[in-house]
């Protein structure tokens, strides 16, 4: 079974920027986390920055390899 793992990103931003992000995410019917990912992916695409896809397989013993 292939499982795509996620990573935690913690950051501080201007409250006004966060509110704009919240509004934009709501208008797009997305979560804030998903909206941040979409914006990062869009920026990477515009600047020809490759995004590496990490896929891990869950072993029978419940660990990932």
C-alpha atoms as a PDB file:
ATOM      1  CA  UNK A   1       0.000   0.000   0.000  1.00  0.00           C
ATOM      2  CA  UNK A   2       1.425   3.403  -0.975  1.00  0.00           C
ATOM      3  CA  UNK A   3       0.794   6.269   1.408  1.00  0.00           C
ATOM      4  CA  UNK A   4       1.728   9.887   0.737  1.00  0.00           C
ATOM      5  CA  UNK A   5       3.103  11.423   3.914  1.00  0.00           C
ATOM      6  CA  UNK A   6       2.643  15.043   4.910  1.00  0.00           C
ATOM      7  CA  UNK A   7       5.034  17.337   6.755  1.00  0.00           C
ATOM      8  CA  UNK A   8       4.226  19.975   9.356  1.00  0.00           C
ATOM      9  CA  UNK A   9       5.117  23.584   8.576  1.00  0.00           C
ATOM     10  CA  UNK A  10       4.917  26.166  11.342  1.00  0.00           C
ATOM     11  CA  UNK A  11       5.422  29.841  10.555  1.00  0.00           C
ATOM     12  CA  UNK A  12       4.486  33.322  11.664  1.00  0.00           C
ATOM     13  CA  UNK A  13       2.832  35.807   9.313  1.00  0.00           C
ATOM     14  CA  UNK A  14       1.262  39.229   9.522  1.00  0.00           C
ATOM     15  CA  UNK A  15      -2.311  38.942  10.893  1.00  0.00           C
ATOM     16  CA  UNK A  16      -3.670  40.837   7.891  1.00  0.00           C
ATOM     17  CA  UNK A  17      -2.017  38.366   5.513  1.00  0.00           C
ATOM     18  CA  UNK A  18      -3.471  35.470   7.504  1.00  0.00           C
ATOM     19  CA  UNK A  19      -6.948  37.009   7.303  1.00  0.00           C
ATOM     20  CA  UNK A  20      -6.578  37.468   3.528  1.00  0.00           C
ATOM     21  CA  UNK A  21      -5.473  33.830   3.297  1.00  0.00           C
ATOM     22  CA  UNK A  22      -8.481  32.730   5.347  1.00  0.00           C
ATOM     23  CA  UNK A  23     -10.856  34.699   3.110  1.00  0.00           C
ATOM     24  CA  UNK A  24      -9.238  33.419  -0.090  1.00  0.00           C
ATOM     25  CA  UNK A  25      -9.325  29.840   1.147  1.00  0.00           C
ATOM     26  CA  UNK A  26     -12.988  30.201   2.079  1.00  0.00           C
ATOM     27  CA  UNK A  27     -13.887  31.629  -1.318  1.00  0.00           C
ATOM     28  CA  UNK A  28     -12.090  28.714  -3.000  1.00  0.00           C
ATOM     29  CA  UNK A  29     -13.742  26.199  -0.616  1.00  0.00           C
ATOM     30  CA  UNK A  30     -10.303  25.067   0.599  1.00  0.00           C
ATOM     31  CA  UNK A  31      -8.659  24.692   3.973  1.00  0.00           C
ATOM     32  CA  UNK A  32      -5.995  27.232   4.875  1.00  0.00           C
ATOM     33  CA  UNK A  33      -3.357  24.473   4.719  1.00  0.00           C
ATOM     34  CA  UNK A  34      -4.495  23.423   1.253  1.00  0.00           C
ATOM     35  CA  UNK A  35      -4.579  27.042   0.072  1.00  0.00           C
ATOM     36  CA  UNK A  36      -0.992  27.551   1.266  1.00  0.00           C
ATOM     37  CA  UNK A  37       0.053  24.425  -0.661  1.00  0.00           C
ATOM     38  CA  UNK A  38      -1.719  25.634  -3.812  1.00  0.00           C
ATOM     39  CA  UNK A  39      -0.021  29.029  -3.559  1.00  0.00           C
ATOM     40  CA  UNK A  40       3.413  27.455  -3.032  1.00  0.00           C
ATOM     41  CA  UNK A  41       2.898  25.073  -5.958  1.00  0.00           C
ATOM     42  CA  UNK A  42       1.799  27.971  -8.171  1.00  0.00           C
ATOM     43  CA  UNK A  43       4.863  30.016  -7.217  1.00  0.00           C
ATOM     44  CA  UNK A  44       7.170  27.053  -7.862  1.00  0.00           C
ATOM     45  CA  UNK A  45       5.592  26.501 -11.270  1.00  0.00           C
ATOM     46  CA  UNK A  46       6.026  30.183 -12.204  1.00  0.00           C
ATOM     47  CA  UNK A  47       9.703  30.061 -11.225  1.00  0.00           C
ATOM     48  CA  UNK A  48      10.457  26.586 -12.657  1.00  0.00           C
ATOM     49  CA  UNK A  49      11.183  25.085  -9.229  1.00  0.00           C
ATOM     50  CA  UNK A  50      10.742  21.317  -9.201  1.00  0.00           C
ATOM     51  CA  UNK A  51       8.725  19.758  -6.392  1.00  0.00           C
ATOM     52  CA  UNK A  52       9.962  16.341  -5.349  1.00  0.00           C
ATOM     53  CA  UNK A  53       7.211  13.870  -4.549  1.00  0.00           C
ATOM     54  CA  UNK A  54       7.954  11.617  -1.604  1.00  0.00           C
ATOM     55  CA  UNK A  55       6.004   8.403  -1.428  1.00  0.00           C
ATOM     56  CA  UNK A  56       6.550   5.863   1.288  1.00  0.00           C
ATOM     57  CA  UNK A  57       5.286   2.335   1.571  1.00  0.00           C
ATOM     58  CA  UNK A  58       3.835   1.083   4.823  1.00  0.00           C
ATOM     59  CA  UNK A  59       5.337  -2.281   5.767  1.00  0.00           C
ATOM     60  CA  UNK A  60       3.413  -5.171   7.315  1.00  0.00           C
ATOM     61  CA  UNK A  61       4.786  -4.204  10.737  1.00  0.00           C
ATOM     62  CA  UNK A  62       3.256  -0.713  10.490  1.00  0.00           C
ATOM     63  CA  UNK A  63       6.483   1.205   9.803  1.00  0.00           C
ATOM     64  CA  UNK A  64       7.316   3.145   6.682  1.00  0.00           C
ATOM     65  CA  UNK A  65      10.210   2.525   4.322  1.00  0.00           C
END
